[in-house]
Amino acid sequence: MPNRFPVRVLSRPLLRLLTPAALGLLLAACAASGPEPGGPAGPTGEERRVGALVLKDVPEVPAEVVEDLRRYQNTRSASVRGWLDE
């Protein structure tokens, strides 16, 4: 059976050395970048009660979203009572 990948870019020992180093550099770059200046704000600590639920840092659902989803909640069930006409 012929080798499916005849060209070897890196030898296995070299690849074993480079993989942890590349991951370390990637993690260091992510940690050094920090949050974006225009990114989402952190938790505000807002807390509200809805029935028995206590919601902390959960935004309100806009009224237009509620209206758009109302059509999917207007459903009814159906079941098969029999297969043959008896």
C-alpha atoms as a PDB file:
ATOM      1  CA  MET A   1       0.000   0.000   0.000  1.00  0.00           C
ATOM      2  CA  PRO A   2       1.549   3.343  -1.002  1.00  0.00           C
ATOM      3  CA  ASN A   3       2.071   6.057   1.556  1.00  0.00           C
ATOM      4  CA  ARG A   4      -0.778   8.581   1.383  1.00  0.00           C
ATOM      5  CA  PHE A   5       1.465  11.394   2.587  1.00  0.00           C
ATOM      6  CA  PRO A   6       4.852  10.914   0.916  1.00  0.00           C
ATOM      7  CA  VAL A   7       6.254  14.330   1.851  1.00  0.00           C
ATOM      8  CA  ARG A   8       7.370  14.732   5.464  1.00  0.00           C
ATOM      9  CA  VAL A   9       7.437  18.357   6.477  1.00  0.00           C
ATOM     10  CA  LEU A  10       8.856  17.873   9.991  1.00  0.00           C
ATOM     11  CA  SER A  11      10.302  14.838  11.690  1.00  0.00           C
ATOM     12  CA  ARG A  12       8.418  13.453  14.687  1.00  0.00           C
ATOM     13  CA  PRO A  13      11.016  14.434  17.335  1.00  0.00           C
ATOM     14  CA  LEU A  14      11.124  17.993  16.034  1.00  0.00           C
ATOM     15  CA  LEU A  15       7.328  18.121  15.923  1.00  0.00           C
ATOM     16  CA  ARG A  16       7.139  16.894  19.535  1.00  0.00           C
ATOM     17  CA  LEU A  17       9.409  19.776  20.565  1.00  0.00           C
ATOM     18  CA  LEU A  18       7.624  22.458  18.546  1.00  0.00           C
ATOM     19  CA  THR A  19       4.034  21.616  19.522  1.00  0.00           C
ATOM     20  CA  PRO A  20       4.308  22.544  23.254  1.00  0.00           C
ATOM     21  CA  ALA A  21       6.327  25.637  22.350  1.00  0.00           C
ATOM     22  CA  ALA A  22       3.687  26.779  19.858  1.00  0.00           C
ATOM     23  CA  LEU A  23       0.909  26.205  22.388  1.00  0.00           C
ATOM     24  CA  GLY A  24       2.842  28.153  25.010  1.00  0.00           C
ATOM     25  CA  LEU A  25       3.315  31.092  22.648  1.00  0.00           C
ATOM     26  CA  LEU A  26      -0.368  31.038  21.735  1.00  0.00           C
ATOM     27  CA  LEU A  27      -1.452  31.051  25.384  1.00  0.00           C
ATOM     28  CA  ALA A  28       0.983  33.851  26.217  1.00  0.00           C
ATOM     29  CA  ALA A  29      -0.325  35.956  23.331  1.00  0.00           C
ATOM     30  CA  CYS A  30      -3.933  35.423  24.424  1.00  0.00           C
ATOM     31  CA  ALA A  31      -3.163  36.294  28.042  1.00  0.00           C
ATOM     32  CA  ALA A  32      -1.210  39.410  27.115  1.00  0.00           C
ATOM     33  CA  SER A  33      -3.867  40.794  24.795  1.00  0.00           C
ATOM     34  CA  GLY A  34      -6.515  41.295  27.509  1.00  0.00           C
ATOM     35  CA  PRO A  35     -10.080  42.399  26.833  1.00  0.00           C
ATOM     36  CA  GLU A  36     -10.881  44.699  23.946  1.00  0.00           C
ATOM     37  CA  PRO A  37     -11.548  48.346  24.863  1.00  0.00           C
ATOM     38  CA  GLY A  38     -14.902  48.388  23.067  1.00  0.00           C
ATOM     39  CA  GLY A  39     -15.864  44.880  24.149  1.00  0.00           C
ATOM     40  CA  PRO A  40     -18.719  43.854  26.397  1.00  0.00           C
ATOM     41  CA  ALA A  41     -18.738  45.188  29.915  1.00  0.00           C
ATOM     42  CA  GLY A  42     -18.213  42.920  32.881  1.00  0.00           C
ATOM     43  CA  PRO A  43     -20.928  41.831  35.287  1.00  0.00           C
ATOM     44  CA  THR A  44     -22.849  44.719  36.794  1.00  0.00           C
ATOM     45  CA  GLY A  45     -24.298  42.847  39.737  1.00  0.00           C
ATOM     46  CA  GLU A  46     -27.907  43.594  38.747  1.00  0.00           C
ATOM     47  CA  GLU A  47     -30.323  41.146  40.297  1.00  0.00           C
ATOM     48  CA  ARG A  48     -34.055  40.738  39.668  1.00  0.00           C
ATOM     49  CA  ARG A  49     -36.731  38.217  40.580  1.00  0.00           C
ATOM     50  CA  VAL A  50     -39.084  36.599  38.090  1.00  0.00           C
ATOM     51  CA  GLY A  51     -41.397  34.254  39.969  1.00  0.00           C
ATOM     52  CA  ALA A  52     -39.200  31.832  41.890  1.00  0.00           C
ATOM     53  CA  LEU A  53     -36.144  32.650  39.770  1.00  0.00           C
ATOM     54  CA  VAL A  54     -33.421  35.033  40.880  1.00  0.00           C
ATOM     55  CA  LEU A  55     -31.705  36.379  37.766  1.00  0.00           C
ATOM     56  CA  LYS A  56     -28.305  38.004  38.172  1.00  0.00           C
ATOM     57  CA  ASP A  57     -26.677  39.808  35.237  1.00  0.00           C
ATOM     58  CA  VAL A  58     -29.343  38.510  32.815  1.00  0.00           C
ATOM     59  CA  PRO A  59     -30.499  41.198  30.359  1.00  0.00           C
ATOM     60  CA  GLU A  60     -34.160  41.929  29.718  1.00  0.00           C
ATOM     61  CA  VAL A  61     -35.635  40.360  26.583  1.00  0.00           C
ATOM     62  CA  PRO A  62     -36.728  43.098  24.142  1.00  0.00           C
ATOM     63  CA  ALA A  63     -40.458  43.251  23.402  1.00  0.00           C
ATOM     64  CA  GLU A  64     -39.889  42.804  19.653  1.00  0.00           C
ATOM     65  CA  VAL A  65     -38.144  39.463  20.276  1.00  0.00           C
ATOM     66  CA  VAL A  66     -41.051  38.308  22.435  1.00  0.00           C
ATOM     67  CA  GLU A  67     -43.509  39.242  19.674  1.00  0.00           C
ATOM     68  CA  ASP A  68     -41.427  37.450  17.012  1.00  0.00           C
ATOM     69  CA  LEU A  69     -41.306  34.251  19.083  1.00  0.00           C
ATOM     70  CA  ARG A  70     -45.014  34.262  19.957  1.00  0.00           C
ATOM     71  CA  ARG A  71     -45.949  32.561  16.664  1.00  0.00           C
ATOM     72  CA  TYR A  72     -43.776  29.550  17.537  1.00  0.00           C
ATOM     73  CA  GLN A  73     -45.448  29.172  20.922  1.00  0.00           C
ATOM     74  CA  ASN A  74     -48.947  29.078  19.421  1.00  0.00           C
ATOM     75  CA  THR A  75     -49.133  25.328  18.797  1.00  0.00           C
ATOM     76  CA  ARG A  76     -51.513  22.454  19.416  1.00  0.00           C
ATOM     77  CA  SER A  77     -50.975  18.745  19.710  1.00  0.00           C
ATOM     78  CA  ALA A  78     -52.259  15.939  17.528  1.00  0.00           C
ATOM     79  CA  SER A  79     -52.159  12.171  17.888  1.00  0.00           C
ATOM     80  CA  VAL A  80     -53.013   9.120  15.767  1.00  0.00           C
ATOM     81  CA  ARG A  81     -56.057   7.270  17.138  1.00  0.00           C
ATOM     82  CA  GLY A  82     -55.957   4.418  14.681  1.00  0.00           C
ATOM     83  CA  TRP A  83     -54.586   3.226  11.406  1.00  0.00           C
ATOM     84  CA  LEU A  84     -57.443   1.269   9.885  1.00  0.00           C
ATOM     85  CA  ASP A  85     -60.961   2.557   9.207  1.00  0.00           C
ATOM     86  CA  GLU A  86     -62.966   0.317  11.600  1.00  0.00           C
END
